[in-house]
Amino acid sequence: MTSSKYLIISPCRNEAQFMRHTLDSVINQSTPPTCWVIVDDGSTDDTPTILAEYAARYQFIQIVTRKNRGHRSVGPGVIEAFYAGYKTVDIDQYEYICKLDLDLELPVNYFKILQERMKENPRLGCC
């Protein structure tokens, strides 16, 4: 199976404690993303430093930084951060778009399997 171009957008705020697991598990995917936009939604911990470290090592990682609004805004804040990243890319360049949190650890074939399932069933819009 030929892998398709896919985009990941990850809103995050103060995820320094967990994010390396997610970053490493995406980087080590059997089919890595074409582009991964990570939106730092005003973090006050080491999140910006960790993101800069990974973006310097991996060209497919792009960082969007939003200013600190002074508080965490679960729900609407996550959506706003997602769209801040979404606006920075030409979505017509990708077959799949994924919103991914930065506190997950994924199996190495995660995105390969998702793509296979979606190709097997064109009516599937979300997995």
Protein backbone atom coordinates (compact mmCIF):
# COMPACT_ATOMS: atom_id res chain seq x y z
CA MET A 1 0.00 0.00 0.00
CA THR A 2 1.28 3.45 -0.90
CA SER A 3 0.85 5.90 1.95
CA SER A 4 -1.02 9.11 1.35
CA LYS A 5 -0.08 12.63 2.25
CA TYR A 6 -1.49 13.48 5.63
CA LEU A 7 -1.44 16.51 7.87
CA ILE A 8 -1.55 16.52 11.65
CA ILE A 9 -2.63 19.59 13.60
CA SER A 10 -1.97 19.50 17.35
CA PRO A 11 -3.17 22.28 19.62
CA CYS A 12 -1.29 22.26 22.91
CA ARG A 13 -0.84 24.25 26.08
CA ASN A 14 1.54 23.35 28.91
CA GLU A 15 2.15 19.79 27.69
CA ALA A 16 5.87 19.59 28.56
CA GLN A 17 5.30 16.72 30.98
CA PHE A 18 3.79 14.38 28.35
CA MET A 19 4.55 15.68 24.87
CA ARG A 20 7.84 13.89 24.18
CA HIS A 21 5.96 10.56 24.13
CA THR A 22 3.62 11.86 21.44
CA LEU A 23 6.34 13.61 19.48
CA ASP A 24 8.50 10.49 19.44
CA SER A 25 5.62 8.16 18.60
CA VAL A 26 4.60 10.28 15.59
CA ILE A 27 8.20 10.69 14.40
CA ASN A 28 8.64 6.91 14.56
CA GLN A 29 5.51 6.10 12.56
CA SER A 30 5.92 3.62 9.71
CA THR A 31 4.31 6.32 7.54
CA PRO A 32 5.30 9.72 8.97
CA PRO A 33 3.14 12.78 8.30
CA THR A 34 3.83 15.07 5.39
CA CYS A 35 3.35 18.03 7.72
CA TRP A 36 2.70 18.37 11.43
CA VAL A 37 1.53 21.78 12.62
CA ILE A 38 1.76 22.12 16.38
CA VAL A 39 0.01 25.14 17.83
CA ASP A 40 1.40 26.30 21.16
CA ASP A 41 -1.58 28.03 22.74
CA GLY A 42 0.33 30.28 25.14
CA SER A 43 2.25 27.71 27.18
CA THR A 44 4.05 28.87 30.32
CA ASP A 45 6.06 25.68 30.95
CA ASP A 46 8.86 24.14 28.85
CA THR A 47 6.54 23.35 25.93
CA PRO A 48 7.99 26.08 23.64
CA THR A 49 11.56 24.88 24.26
CA ILE A 50 10.69 21.25 23.54
CA LEU A 51 8.77 22.20 20.39
CA ALA A 52 11.70 24.28 19.11
CA GLU A 53 14.05 21.35 19.72
CA TYR A 54 11.91 18.96 17.65
CA ALA A 55 11.15 21.48 14.90
CA ALA A 56 14.89 22.07 14.46
CA ARG A 57 15.45 18.33 13.94
CA TYR A 58 12.42 17.46 11.78
CA GLN A 59 11.50 19.56 8.75
CA PHE A 60 7.90 18.36 8.64
CA ILE A 61 7.18 19.92 12.06
CA GLN A 62 5.92 23.51 11.97
CA ILE A 63 5.23 25.52 15.11
CA VAL A 64 2.54 28.17 15.43
CA THR A 65 2.73 30.24 18.61
CA ARG A 66 -0.24 32.02 20.13
CA LYS A 67 0.10 34.50 22.95
CA ASN A 68 -0.86 33.52 26.47
CA ARG A 69 -4.44 34.57 27.17
CA GLY A 70 -3.84 34.14 30.90
CA HIS A 71 -5.96 31.03 31.40
CA ARG A 72 -6.66 27.62 29.95
CA SER A 73 -9.73 27.52 27.73
CA VAL A 74 -10.77 23.90 27.27
CA GLY A 75 -13.16 23.43 24.35
CA PRO A 76 -13.30 26.79 22.59
CA GLY A 77 -9.59 27.45 23.17
CA VAL A 78 -8.65 24.11 21.63
CA ILE A 79 -10.81 24.82 18.58
CA GLU A 80 -9.32 28.31 18.19
CA ALA A 81 -5.81 26.86 18.40
CA PHE A 82 -6.68 24.15 15.86
CA TYR A 83 -7.93 26.74 13.37
CA ALA A 84 -4.85 28.90 13.96
CA GLY A 85 -2.83 25.95 12.66
CA TYR A 86 -5.32 25.08 9.93
CA LYS A 87 -5.02 28.57 8.44
CA THR A 88 -1.27 28.13 7.92
CA VAL A 89 -1.48 25.26 5.44
CA ASP A 90 -2.92 24.55 2.01
CA ILE A 91 -5.24 21.68 2.89
CA ASP A 92 -5.62 20.74 -0.77
CA GLN A 93 -2.11 19.25 -0.52
CA TYR A 94 -3.29 16.48 1.82
CA GLU A 95 -5.58 13.50 1.53
CA TYR A 96 -6.13 13.24 5.28
CA ILE A 97 -6.18 15.72 8.15
CA CYS A 98 -5.81 14.62 11.76
CA LYS A 99 -6.34 16.58 14.96
CA LEU A 100 -4.06 15.00 17.55
CA ASP A 101 -3.55 15.82 21.23
CA LEU A 102 -0.01 15.91 22.58
CA ASP A 103 -0.57 13.62 25.54
CA LEU A 104 -0.82 10.33 23.61
CA GLU A 105 1.47 7.48 22.73
CA LEU A 106 0.67 5.80 19.41
CA PRO A 107 1.62 2.38 18.05
CA VAL A 108 4.17 2.54 15.21
CA ASN A 109 1.59 1.58 12.52
CA TYR A 110 -1.18 3.86 13.80
CA PHE A 111 -1.48 6.16 10.79
CA LYS A 112 -0.79 3.38 8.29
CA ILE A 113 -3.71 1.38 9.69
CA LEU A 114 -6.00 4.44 9.74
CA GLN A 115 -5.23 5.11 6.08
CA GLU A 116 -5.85 1.48 5.15
CA ARG A 117 -9.22 1.47 6.94
CA MET A 118 -10.30 4.70 5.31
CA LYS A 119 -9.28 3.48 1.84
CA GLU A 120 -11.18 0.21 2.39
CA ASN A 121 -14.32 2.12 3.34
CA PRO A 122 -14.69 5.48 1.53
CA ARG A 123 -17.76 6.28 3.65
CA LEU A 124 -15.62 6.32 6.76
CA GLY A 125 -14.98 9.93 7.73
CA CYS A 126 -13.40 9.55 11.12
CA CYS A 127 -11.58 6.76 12.92
